[in-house]
PDB file of all heavy atoms in Angstrom:
ATOM      1  N   GLY A   1     -10.435   6.782 -12.061  1.00  0.00           N
ATOM      2  CA  GLY A   1     -10.220   7.849 -11.098  1.00  0.00           C
ATOM      3  C   GLY A   1     -10.721   7.545  -9.696  1.00  0.00           C
ATOM      4  O   GLY A   1     -10.676   8.411  -8.826  1.00  0.00           O
ATOM      5  N   ALA A   2     -11.199   6.321  -9.460  1.00  0.00           N
ATOM      6  CA  ALA A   2     -11.749   5.964  -8.146  1.00  0.00           C
ATOM      7  C   ALA A   2     -10.678   5.784  -7.087  1.00  0.00           C
ATOM      8  O   ALA A   2     -10.956   5.844  -5.895  1.00  0.00           O
ATOM      9  CB  ALA A   2     -12.583   4.689  -8.252  1.00  0.00           C
ATOM     10  N   GLY A   3      -9.424   5.512  -7.502  1.00  0.00           N
ATOM     11  CA  GLY A   3      -8.338   5.334  -6.543  1.00  0.00           C
ATOM     12  C   GLY A   3      -7.737   3.936  -6.512  1.00  0.00           C
ATOM     13  O   GLY A   3      -6.934   3.626  -5.630  1.00  0.00           O
ATOM     14  N   LYS A   4      -8.097   3.100  -7.475  1.00  0.00           N
ATOM     15  CA  LYS A   4      -7.600   1.717  -7.485  1.00  0.00           C
ATOM     16  C   LYS A   4      -6.083   1.666  -7.640  1.00  0.00           C
ATOM     17  O   LYS A   4      -5.399   1.014  -6.847  1.00  0.00           O
ATOM     18  CB  LYS A   4      -8.263   0.916  -8.617  1.00  0.00           C
ATOM     19  CG  LYS A   4      -9.771   0.832  -8.509  1.00  0.00           C
ATOM     20  CD  LYS A   4     -10.405   0.092  -9.667  1.00  0.00           C
ATOM     21  CE  LYS A   4     -10.127   0.645 -11.030  1.00  0.00           C
ATOM     22  NZ  LYS A   4     -10.739   1.944 -11.333  1.00  0.00           N
ATOM     23  N   SER A   5      -5.559   2.348  -8.636  1.00  0.00           N
ATOM     24  CA  SER A   5      -4.110   2.345  -8.869  1.00  0.00           C
ATOM     25  C   SER A   5      -3.362   3.007  -7.724  1.00  0.00           C
ATOM     26  O   SER A   5      -2.291   2.547  -7.317  1.00  0.00           O
ATOM     27  CB  SER A   5      -3.767   3.053 -10.187  1.00  0.00           C
ATOM     28  OG  SER A   5      -4.316   2.347 -11.282  1.00  0.00           O
ATOM     29  N   THR A   6      -3.939   4.063  -7.174  1.00  0.00           N
ATOM     30  CA  THR A   6      -3.320   4.746  -6.033  1.00  0.00           C
ATOM     31  C   THR A   6      -3.250   3.809  -4.836  1.00  0.00           C
ATOM     32  O   THR A   6      -2.211   3.720  -4.168  1.00  0.00           O
ATOM     33  CB  THR A   6      -4.110   6.024  -5.681  1.00  0.00           C
ATOM     34  OG1 THR A   6      -4.111   6.886  -6.816  1.00  0.00           O
ATOM     35  CG2 THR A   6      -3.518   6.727  -4.483  1.00  0.00           C
ATOM     36  N   LEU A   7      -4.329   3.088  -4.571  1.00  0.00           N
ATOM     37  CA  LEU A   7      -4.327   2.144  -3.453  1.00  0.00           C
ATOM     38  C   LEU A   7      -3.270   1.064  -3.660  1.00  0.00           C
ATOM     39  O   LEU A   7      -2.524   0.730  -2.725  1.00  0.00           O
ATOM     40  CB  LEU A   7      -5.704   1.504  -3.273  1.00  0.00           C
ATOM     41  CG  LEU A   7      -5.799   0.451  -2.173  1.00  0.00           C
ATOM     42  CD1 LEU A   7      -5.393   1.016  -0.814  1.00  0.00           C
ATOM     43  CD2 LEU A   7      -7.209  -0.131  -2.119  1.00  0.00           C
ATOM     44  N   LEU A   8      -3.156   0.532  -4.863  1.00  0.00           N
ATOM     45  CA  LEU A   8      -2.140  -0.490  -5.121  1.00  0.00           C
ATOM     46  C   LEU A   8      -0.731   0.072  -4.926  1.00  0.00           C
ATOM     47  O   LEU A   8       0.137  -0.603  -4.371  1.00  0.00           O
ATOM     48  CB  LEU A   8      -2.298  -1.084  -6.527  1.00  0.00           C
ATOM     49  CG  LEU A   8      -3.536  -1.961  -6.723  1.00  0.00           C
ATOM     50  CD1 LEU A   8      -3.675  -2.367  -8.188  1.00  0.00           C
ATOM     51  CD2 LEU A   8      -3.493  -3.190  -5.833  1.00  0.00           C
ATOM     52  N   ALA A   9      -0.501   1.301  -5.369  1.00  0.00           N
ATOM     53  CA  ALA A   9       0.814   1.927  -5.182  1.00  0.00           C
ATOM     54  C   ALA A   9       1.120   2.117  -3.695  1.00  0.00           C
ATOM     55  O   ALA A   9       2.261   1.935  -3.258  1.00  0.00           O
ATOM     56  CB  ALA A   9       0.878   3.265  -5.924  1.00  0.00           C
ATOM     57  N   ILE A  10       0.104   2.452  -2.899  1.00  0.00           N
ATOM     58  CA  ILE A  10       0.287   2.593  -1.451  1.00  0.00           C
ATOM     59  C   ILE A  10       0.612   1.235  -0.841  1.00  0.00           C
ATOM     60  O   ILE A  10       1.532   1.109  -0.029  1.00  0.00           O
ATOM     61  CB  ILE A  10      -0.955   3.234  -0.799  1.00  0.00           C
ATOM     62  CG1 ILE A  10      -1.060   4.706  -1.208  1.00  0.00           C
ATOM     63  CG2 ILE A  10      -0.911   3.095   0.722  1.00  0.00           C
ATOM     64  CD1 ILE A  10      -2.391   5.363  -0.858  1.00  0.00           C
ATOM     65  N   LEU A  11      -0.147   0.207  -1.225  1.00  0.00           N
ATOM     66  CA  LEU A  11       0.102  -1.141  -0.696  1.00  0.00           C
ATOM     67  C   LEU A  11       1.493  -1.646  -1.070  1.00  0.00           C
ATOM     68  O   LEU A  11       2.124  -2.372  -0.307  1.00  0.00           O
ATOM     69  CB  LEU A  11      -0.963  -2.121  -1.193  1.00  0.00           C
ATOM     70  CG  LEU A  11      -2.381  -1.883  -0.686  1.00  0.00           C
ATOM     71  CD1 LEU A  11      -3.353  -2.834  -1.366  1.00  0.00           C
ATOM     72  CD2 LEU A  11      -2.455  -2.001   0.826  1.00  0.00           C
ATOM     73  N   ALA A  12       1.978  -1.237  -2.250  1.00  0.00           N
ATOM     74  CA  ALA A  12       3.306  -1.652  -2.705  1.00  0.00           C
ATOM     75  C   ALA A  12       4.419  -0.874  -1.996  1.00  0.00           C
ATOM     76  O   ALA A  12       5.588  -1.245  -2.082  1.00  0.00           O
ATOM     77  CB  ALA A  12       3.434  -1.464  -4.218  1.00  0.00           C
ATOM     78  N   GLY A  13       4.059   0.201  -1.321  1.00  0.00           N
ATOM     79  CA  GLY A  13       5.065   1.017  -0.648  1.00  0.00           C
ATOM     80  C   GLY A  13       5.689   2.057  -1.556  1.00  0.00           C
ATOM     81  O   GLY A  13       6.668   2.705  -1.189  1.00  0.00           O
ATOM     82  N   ALA A  14       5.120   2.244  -2.748  1.00  0.00           N
ATOM     83  CA  ALA A  14       5.661   3.212  -3.695  1.00  0.00           C
ATOM     84  C   ALA A  14       5.090   4.607  -3.499  1.00  0.00           C
ATOM     85  O   ALA A  14       5.606   5.569  -4.054  1.00  0.00           O
ATOM     86  CB  ALA A  14       5.381   2.738  -5.122  1.00  0.00           C
ATOM     87  N   LEU A  15       4.027   4.704  -2.711  1.00  0.00           N
ATOM     88  CA  LEU A  15       3.359   5.980  -2.485  1.00  0.00           C
ATOM     89  C   LEU A  15       2.907   6.015  -1.027  1.00  0.00           C
ATOM     90  O   LEU A  15       2.401   5.020  -0.505  1.00  0.00           O
ATOM     91  CB  LEU A  15       2.142   6.068  -3.421  1.00  0.00           C
ATOM     92  CG  LEU A  15       1.353   7.356  -3.518  1.00  0.00           C
ATOM     93  CD1 LEU A  15       2.228   8.497  -4.044  1.00  0.00           C
ATOM     94  CD2 LEU A  15       0.168   7.151  -4.452  1.00  0.00           C
ATOM     95  N   ALA A  16       3.094   7.151  -0.397  1.00  0.00           N
ATOM     96  CA  ALA A  16       2.648   7.301   0.999  1.00  0.00           C
ATOM     97  C   ALA A  16       1.177   7.706   1.010  1.00  0.00           C
ATOM     98  O   ALA A  16       0.752   8.521   0.187  1.00  0.00           O
ATOM     99  CB  ALA A  16       3.477   8.367   1.703  1.00  0.00           C
ATOM    100  N   PRO A  17       0.409   7.146   1.927  1.00  0.00           N
ATOM    101  CA  PRO A  17      -1.005   7.551   2.000  1.00  0.00           C
ATOM    102  C   PRO A  17      -1.131   8.991   2.491  1.00  0.00           C
ATOM    103  O   PRO A  17      -0.343   9.438   3.308  1.00  0.00           O
ATOM    104  CB  PRO A  17      -1.607   6.573   3.003  1.00  0.00           C
ATOM    105  CG  PRO A  17      -0.468   6.032   3.786  1.00  0.00           C
ATOM    106  CD  PRO A  17       0.748   6.125   2.927  1.00  0.00           C
ATOM    107  N   SER A  18      -2.142   9.707   1.973  1.00  0.00           N
ATOM    108  CA  SER A  18      -2.377  11.073   2.439  1.00  0.00           C
ATOM    109  C   SER A  18      -3.075  11.067   3.790  1.00  0.00           C
ATOM    110  O   SER A  18      -3.008  12.037   4.531  1.00  0.00           O
ATOM    111  CB  SER A  18      -3.201  11.857   1.412  1.00  0.00           C
ATOM    112  OG  SER A  18      -4.415  11.185   1.135  1.00  0.00           O
ATOM    113  N   SER A  19      -3.747   9.954   4.101  1.00  0.00           N
ATOM    114  CA  SER A  19      -4.326   9.766   5.429  1.00  0.00           C
ATOM    115  C   SER A  19      -4.500   8.268   5.644  1.00  0.00           C
ATOM    116  O   SER A  19      -4.425   7.482   4.708  1.00  0.00           O
ATOM    117  CB  SER A  19      -5.670  10.494   5.563  1.00  0.00           C
ATOM    118  OG  SER A  19      -6.617   9.931   4.685  1.00  0.00           O
ATOM    119  N   GLY A  20      -4.705   7.880   6.876  1.00  0.00           N
ATOM    120  CA  GLY A  20      -4.842   6.462   7.191  1.00  0.00           C
ATOM    121  C   GLY A  20      -3.493   5.769   7.230  1.00  0.00           C
ATOM    122  O   GLY A  20      -2.441   6.410   7.184  1.00  0.00           O
ATOM    123  N   ARG A  21      -3.536   4.440   7.323  1.00  0.00           N
ATOM    124  CA  ARG A  21      -2.286   3.694   7.372  1.00  0.00           C
ATOM    125  C   ARG A  21      -2.507   2.279   6.838  1.00  0.00           C
ATOM    126  O   ARG A  21      -3.622   1.779   6.809  1.00  0.00           O
ATOM    127  CB  ARG A  21      -1.729   3.642   8.778  1.00  0.00           C
ATOM    128  CG  ARG A  21      -2.573   2.842   9.750  1.00  0.00           C
ATOM    129  CD  ARG A  21      -1.966   2.862  11.162  1.00  0.00           C
ATOM    130  NE  ARG A  21      -2.665   1.990  12.057  1.00  0.00           N
ATOM    131  CZ  ARG A  21      -3.812   2.249  12.652  1.00  0.00           C
ATOM    132  NH1 ARG A  21      -4.412   3.399  12.424  1.00  0.00           N
ATOM    133  NH2 ARG A  21      -4.363   1.383  13.468  1.00  0.00           N
ATOM    134  N   VAL A  22      -1.425   1.664   6.456  1.00  0.00           N
ATOM    135  CA  VAL A  22      -1.426   0.268   6.004  1.00  0.00           C
ATOM    136  C   VAL A  22      -0.720  -0.536   7.072  1.00  0.00           C
ATOM    137  O   VAL A  22       0.383  -0.196   7.496  1.00  0.00           O
ATOM    138  CB  VAL A  22      -0.687   0.115   4.651  1.00  0.00           C
ATOM    139  CG1 VAL A  22      -0.583  -1.348   4.263  1.00  0.00           C
ATOM    140  CG2 VAL A  22      -1.382   0.921   3.572  1.00  0.00           C
ATOM    141  N   THR A  23      -1.363  -1.587   7.528  1.00  0.00           N
ATOM    142  CA  THR A  23      -0.789  -2.442   8.555  1.00  0.00           C
ATOM    143  C   THR A  23      -0.510  -3.806   7.959  1.00  0.00           C
ATOM    144  O   THR A  23      -1.398  -4.409   7.348  1.00  0.00           O
ATOM    145  CB  THR A  23      -1.767  -2.596   9.747  1.00  0.00           C
ATOM    146  OG1 THR A  23      -2.104  -1.292  10.212  1.00  0.00           O
ATOM    147  CG2 THR A  23      -1.149  -3.402  10.858  1.00  0.00           C
ATOM    148  N   ALA A  24       0.717  -4.282   8.130  1.00  0.00           N
ATOM    149  CA  ALA A  24       1.103  -5.592   7.601  1.00  0.00           C
ATOM    150  C   ALA A  24       1.238  -6.581   8.748  1.00  0.00           C
ATOM    151  O   ALA A  24       1.650  -6.221   9.851  1.00  0.00           O
ATOM    152  CB  ALA A  24       2.429  -5.485   6.857  1.00  0.00           C
ATOM    153  N   ALA A  25       0.890  -7.816   8.453  1.00  0.00           N
ATOM    154  CA  ALA A  25       1.049  -8.888   9.443  1.00  0.00           C
ATOM    155  C   ALA A  25       2.529  -9.171   9.637  1.00  0.00           C
ATOM    156  O   ALA A  25       3.349  -8.904   8.775  1.00  0.00           O
ATOM    157  CB  ALA A  25       0.333 -10.141   8.962  1.00  0.00           C
ATOM    158  N   GLU A  26       2.851  -9.724  10.773  1.00  0.00           N
ATOM    159  CA  GLU A  26       4.230 -10.132  11.055  1.00  0.00           C
ATOM    160  C   GLU A  26       4.393 -11.583  10.646  1.00  0.00           C
ATOM    161  O   GLU A  26       3.460 -12.358  10.781  1.00  0.00           O
ATOM    162  CB  GLU A  26       4.534  -9.966  12.549  1.00  0.00           C
ATOM    163  CG  GLU A  26       4.480  -8.534  13.021  1.00  0.00           C
ATOM    164  CD  GLU A  26       5.541  -7.643  12.409  1.00  0.00           C
ATOM    165  OE1 GLU A  26       6.648  -8.140  12.109  1.00  0.00           O
ATOM    166  OE2 GLU A  26       5.266  -6.466  12.220  1.00  0.00           O
ATOM    167  N   PRO A  27       5.509 -12.052  10.161  1.00  0.00           N
ATOM    168  CA  PRO A  27       6.702 -11.267   9.832  1.00  0.00           C
ATOM    169  C   PRO A  27       6.461 -10.407   8.591  1.00  0.00           C
ATOM    170  O   PRO A  27       5.455 -10.583   7.927  1.00  0.00           O
ATOM    171  CB  PRO A  27       7.744 -12.359   9.545  1.00  0.00           C
ATOM    172  CG  PRO A  27       6.957 -13.509   9.033  1.00  0.00           C
ATOM    173  CD  PRO A  27       5.639 -13.451   9.767  1.00  0.00           C
ATOM    174  N   PRO A  28       7.398  -9.501   8.296  1.00  0.00           N
ATOM    175  CA  PRO A  28       7.226  -8.641   7.128  1.00  0.00           C
ATOM    176  C   PRO A  28       6.965  -9.470   5.870  1.00  0.00           C
ATOM    177  O   PRO A  28       7.573 -10.517   5.671  1.00  0.00           O
ATOM    178  CB  PRO A  28       8.570  -7.900   7.027  1.00  0.00           C
ATOM    179  CG  PRO A  28       9.132  -7.952   8.397  1.00  0.00           C
ATOM    180  CD  PRO A  28       8.641  -9.234   9.007  1.00  0.00           C
ATOM    181  N   ARG A  29       6.057  -9.003   5.070  1.00  0.00           N
ATOM    182  CA  ARG A  29       5.660  -9.699   3.853  1.00  0.00           C
ATOM    183  C   ARG A  29       6.449  -9.208   2.654  1.00  0.00           C
ATOM    184  O   ARG A  29       6.809  -8.044   2.556  1.00  0.00           O
ATOM    185  CB  ARG A  29       4.168  -9.491   3.587  1.00  0.00           C
ATOM    186  CG  ARG A  29       3.283 -10.012   4.686  1.00  0.00           C
ATOM    187  CD  ARG A  29       3.355 -11.503   4.707  1.00  0.00           C
ATOM    188  NE  ARG A  29       2.454 -12.027   5.721  1.00  0.00           N
ATOM    189  CZ  ARG A  29       2.601 -13.213   6.251  1.00  0.00           C
ATOM    190  NH1 ARG A  29       3.588 -13.979   5.897  1.00  0.00           N
ATOM    191  NH2 ARG A  29       1.765 -13.642   7.150  1.00  0.00           N
ATOM    192  N   ARG A  30       6.687 -10.135   1.721  1.00  0.00           N
ATOM    193  CA  ARG A  30       7.300  -9.786   0.436  1.00  0.00           C
ATOM    194  C   ARG A  30       6.174  -9.420  -0.526  1.00  0.00           C
ATOM    195  O   ARG A  30       5.190 -10.148  -0.643  1.00  0.00           O
ATOM    196  CB  ARG A  30       8.109 -10.964  -0.102  1.00  0.00           C
ATOM    197  CG  ARG A  30       9.312 -11.314   0.774  1.00  0.00           C
ATOM    198  CD  ARG A  30      10.041 -12.536   0.229  1.00  0.00           C
ATOM    199  NE  ARG A  30       9.152 -13.658   0.016  1.00  0.00           N
ATOM    200  CZ  ARG A  30       8.969 -14.673   0.868  1.00  0.00           C
ATOM    201  NH1 ARG A  30       9.636 -14.705   1.991  1.00  0.00           N
ATOM    202  NH2 ARG A  30       8.144 -15.654   0.598  1.00  0.00           N
ATOM    203  N   ILE A  31       6.341  -8.303  -1.189  1.00  0.00           N
ATOM    204  CA  ILE A  31       5.299  -7.796  -2.085  1.00  0.00           C
ATOM    205  C   ILE A  31       5.823  -7.746  -3.505  1.00  0.00           C
ATOM    206  O   ILE A  31       6.911  -7.230  -3.757  1.00  0.00           O
ATOM    207  CB  ILE A  31       4.831  -6.396  -1.645  1.00  0.00           C
ATOM    208  CG1 ILE A  31       4.213  -6.476  -0.245  1.00  0.00           C
ATOM    209  CG2 ILE A  31       3.830  -5.816  -2.649  1.00  0.00           C
ATOM    210  CD1 ILE A  31       3.876  -5.136   0.354  1.00  0.00           C
ATOM    211  N   GLY A  32       5.039  -8.271  -4.437  1.00  0.00           N
ATOM    212  CA  GLY A  32       5.314  -8.149  -5.867  1.00  0.00           C
ATOM    213  C   GLY A  32       4.249  -7.244  -6.467  1.00  0.00           C
ATOM    214  O   GLY A  32       3.056  -7.433  -6.211  1.00  0.00           O
ATOM    215  N   TRP A  33       4.661  -6.261  -7.235  1.00  0.00           N
ATOM    216  CA  TRP A  33       3.726  -5.269  -7.775  1.00  0.00           C
ATOM    217  C   TRP A  33       3.866  -5.193  -9.278  1.00  0.00           C
ATOM    218  O   TRP A  33       4.972  -5.019  -9.796  1.00  0.00           O
ATOM    219  CB  TRP A  33       4.026  -3.924  -7.131  1.00  0.00           C
ATOM    220  CG  TRP A  33       3.191  -2.768  -7.580  1.00  0.00           C
ATOM    221  CD1 TRP A  33       1.866  -2.766  -7.904  1.00  0.00           C
ATOM    222  CD2 TRP A  33       3.632  -1.419  -7.727  1.00  0.00           C
ATOM    223  NE1 TRP A  33       1.448  -1.504  -8.225  1.00  0.00           N
ATOM    224  CE2 TRP A  33       2.511  -0.650  -8.127  1.00  0.00           C
ATOM    225  CE3 TRP A  33       4.850  -0.777  -7.555  1.00  0.00           C
ATOM    226  CZ2 TRP A  33       2.586   0.715  -8.362  1.00  0.00           C
ATOM    227  CZ3 TRP A  33       4.926   0.578  -7.778  1.00  0.00           C
ATOM    228  CH2 TRP A  33       3.803   1.320  -8.173  1.00  0.00           C
TER     229      TRP A  33
END
């Protein structure tokens, strides 16, 4: 319940953060989840 799975889902782009933001380096990165 600490938020590990939620954070991974946010990083994967499957869930929008309720606050804050995720910044990716350029060029756009390919993500495997």
